[in-house]
Amino acid sequence: MPSKIRKPKPFRAAAAVKAAARHVIGTPPPTRTEPASKKRKLKQDKHKPTLNKLLDEAGE
């Protein structure tokens, strides 16, 4: 049984523009990924501290 003929992909203007730009300018330089610790920020508290907690911290 012969192999199945592949269906051509539909034309996409964005892909054609990017291919033309790569041909004229060249491929973009490779980038280094940032470590996950730099990307993540410390989460803020979801709730403000209650008055009792604030008084307890001030009293100590």
N, C-alpha and C. Protein backbone atom coordinates (compact mmCIF):
# COMPACT_ATOMS: atom_id res chain seq x y z
N MET A 1 0.84 -1.16 0.00
CA MET A 1 0.00 0.00 0.00
C MET A 1 0.90 1.24 0.00
N PRO A 2 0.69 2.16 -0.95
CA PRO A 2 1.55 3.35 -1.01
C PRO A 2 1.28 4.28 0.17
N SER A 3 2.29 5.08 0.52
CA SER A 3 2.12 6.00 1.64
C SER A 3 1.12 7.09 1.29
N LYS A 4 0.49 7.63 2.29
CA LYS A 4 -0.55 8.63 2.11
C LYS A 4 0.07 9.95 1.67
N ILE A 5 -0.54 10.61 0.71
CA ILE A 5 -0.05 11.90 0.25
C ILE A 5 -0.42 12.96 1.28
N ARG A 6 0.57 13.76 1.67
CA ARG A 6 0.32 14.77 2.68
C ARG A 6 -0.42 15.96 2.09
N LYS A 7 -1.34 16.49 2.88
CA LYS A 7 -2.11 17.65 2.48
C LYS A 7 -1.26 18.89 2.74
N PRO A 8 -1.15 19.82 1.78
CA PRO A 8 -0.34 21.02 2.03
C PRO A 8 -0.97 21.90 3.11
N LYS A 9 -0.10 22.56 3.89
CA LYS A 9 -0.59 23.42 4.96
C LYS A 9 -1.21 24.66 4.36
N PRO A 10 -2.23 25.21 5.02
CA PRO A 10 -2.86 26.43 4.49
C PRO A 10 -1.90 27.61 4.56
N PHE A 11 -2.06 28.55 3.65
CA PHE A 11 -1.21 29.73 3.60
C PHE A 11 -1.53 30.63 4.79
N ARG A 12 -0.48 31.07 5.45
CA ARG A 12 -0.63 32.01 6.56
C ARG A 12 0.28 33.20 6.29
N ALA A 13 -0.31 34.37 6.27
CA ALA A 13 0.44 35.58 5.94
C ALA A 13 1.53 35.85 6.96
N ALA A 14 1.26 35.61 8.22
CA ALA A 14 2.25 35.88 9.27
C ALA A 14 3.49 35.02 9.07
N ALA A 15 3.29 33.76 8.73
CA ALA A 15 4.43 32.87 8.51
C ALA A 15 5.23 33.32 7.29
N ALA A 16 4.54 33.79 6.24
CA ALA A 16 5.23 34.25 5.04
C ALA A 16 6.05 35.50 5.33
N VAL A 17 5.50 36.42 6.12
CA VAL A 17 6.22 37.66 6.47
C VAL A 17 7.44 37.33 7.31
N LYS A 18 7.29 36.43 8.27
CA LYS A 18 8.42 36.06 9.11
C LYS A 18 9.51 35.38 8.29
N ALA A 19 9.12 34.52 7.36
CA ALA A 19 10.11 33.84 6.52
C ALA A 19 10.86 34.83 5.64
N ALA A 20 10.14 35.82 5.10
CA ALA A 20 10.79 36.84 4.27
C ALA A 20 11.75 37.67 5.10
N ALA A 21 11.37 38.01 6.33
CA ALA A 21 12.24 38.79 7.21
C ALA A 21 13.49 38.00 7.57
N ARG A 22 13.34 36.71 7.84
CA ARG A 22 14.51 35.88 8.15
C ARG A 22 15.45 35.82 6.95
N HIS A 23 14.87 35.78 5.75
CA HIS A 23 15.69 35.71 4.54
C HIS A 23 16.49 37.00 4.35
N VAL A 24 15.85 38.15 4.61
CA VAL A 24 16.52 39.44 4.40
C VAL A 24 17.46 39.77 5.55
N ILE A 25 16.98 39.69 6.79
CA ILE A 25 17.76 40.12 7.95
C ILE A 25 18.63 38.99 8.50
N GLY A 26 18.12 37.80 8.48
CA GLY A 26 18.82 36.67 9.09
C GLY A 26 18.07 36.22 10.33
N THR A 27 18.50 35.11 10.86
CA THR A 27 17.81 34.57 12.04
C THR A 27 18.16 35.41 13.26
N PRO A 28 17.25 35.55 14.21
CA PRO A 28 17.55 36.32 15.42
C PRO A 28 18.58 35.58 16.27
N PRO A 29 19.37 36.31 17.06
CA PRO A 29 20.38 35.65 17.89
C PRO A 29 19.72 34.83 18.99
N PRO A 30 20.35 33.75 19.39
CA PRO A 30 19.77 32.94 20.47
C PRO A 30 19.80 33.72 21.78
N THR A 31 18.83 33.47 22.65
CA THR A 31 18.76 34.16 23.93
C THR A 31 18.95 33.16 25.05
N ARG A 32 19.40 33.67 26.17
CA ARG A 32 19.53 32.83 27.36
C ARG A 32 18.28 32.99 28.21
N THR A 33 17.83 31.89 28.77
CA THR A 33 16.65 31.97 29.62
C THR A 33 17.08 32.44 31.00
N GLU A 34 16.22 33.23 31.65
CA GLU A 34 16.50 33.71 32.99
C GLU A 34 16.18 32.61 33.98
N PRO A 35 16.93 32.53 35.06
CA PRO A 35 16.59 31.54 36.09
C PRO A 35 15.20 31.81 36.66
N ALA A 36 14.55 30.78 37.10
CA ALA A 36 13.18 30.90 37.60
C ALA A 36 13.10 31.83 38.80
N SER A 37 14.18 31.91 39.58
CA SER A 37 14.14 32.74 40.78
C SER A 37 14.01 34.22 40.42
N LYS A 38 14.55 34.65 39.28
CA LYS A 38 14.44 36.04 38.88
C LYS A 38 13.04 36.36 38.38
N LYS A 39 12.40 35.41 37.74
CA LYS A 39 11.07 35.63 37.18
C LYS A 39 10.01 35.71 38.25
N ARG A 40 10.14 34.87 39.26
CA ARG A 40 9.11 34.81 40.29
C ARG A 40 9.31 35.93 41.29
N LYS A 41 8.23 36.58 41.63
CA LYS A 41 8.25 37.60 42.65
C LYS A 41 7.58 37.04 43.89
N LEU A 42 7.93 37.62 45.01
CA LEU A 42 7.30 37.17 46.24
C LEU A 42 5.82 37.51 46.20
N LYS A 43 5.02 36.56 46.61
CA LYS A 43 3.58 36.79 46.60
C LYS A 43 3.19 37.73 47.72
N GLN A 44 2.31 38.63 47.42
CA GLN A 44 1.78 39.53 48.43
C GLN A 44 0.73 38.77 49.24
N ASP A 45 0.54 39.21 50.47
CA ASP A 45 -0.49 38.60 51.29
C ASP A 45 -1.86 38.84 50.64
N LYS A 46 -2.68 37.82 50.66
CA LYS A 46 -4.00 37.96 50.04
C LYS A 46 -4.93 38.82 50.89
N HIS A 47 -4.69 38.83 52.21
CA HIS A 47 -5.55 39.59 53.09
C HIS A 47 -4.70 40.51 53.95
N LYS A 48 -5.23 41.66 54.25
CA LYS A 48 -4.54 42.57 55.15
C LYS A 48 -4.56 41.97 56.55
N PRO A 49 -3.52 42.23 57.33
CA PRO A 49 -3.53 41.70 58.71
C PRO A 49 -4.66 42.34 59.53
N THR A 50 -5.22 41.55 60.40
CA THR A 50 -6.33 42.04 61.21
C THR A 50 -5.80 42.96 62.31
N LEU A 51 -6.68 43.69 62.91
CA LEU A 51 -6.31 44.62 63.96
C LEU A 51 -5.67 43.88 65.14
N ASN A 52 -6.19 42.70 65.46
CA ASN A 52 -5.63 41.91 66.57
C ASN A 52 -4.19 41.52 66.28
N LYS A 53 -3.89 41.11 65.05
CA LYS A 53 -2.52 40.73 64.71
C LYS A 53 -1.60 41.93 64.77
N LEU A 54 -2.06 43.07 64.28
CA LEU A 54 -1.24 44.27 64.33
C LEU A 54 -0.94 44.68 65.77
N LEU A 55 -1.95 44.59 66.64
CA LEU A 55 -1.73 44.94 68.04
C LEU A 55 -0.81 43.96 68.74
N ASP A 56 -0.93 42.67 68.39
CA ASP A 56 -0.07 41.65 68.98
C ASP A 56 1.39 41.89 68.57
N GLU A 57 1.62 42.22 67.31
CA GLU A 57 2.99 42.46 66.84
C GLU A 57 3.56 43.72 67.48
N ALA A 58 2.76 44.75 67.66
CA ALA A 58 3.23 45.99 68.25
C ALA A 58 3.50 45.79 69.75
N GLY A 59 2.74 44.92 70.38
CA GLY A 59 2.88 44.70 71.82
C GLY A 59 4.10 43.89 72.17
N GLU A 60 4.63 43.13 71.26
CA GLU A 60 5.78 42.26 71.55
C GLU A 60 7.07 42.95 71.56
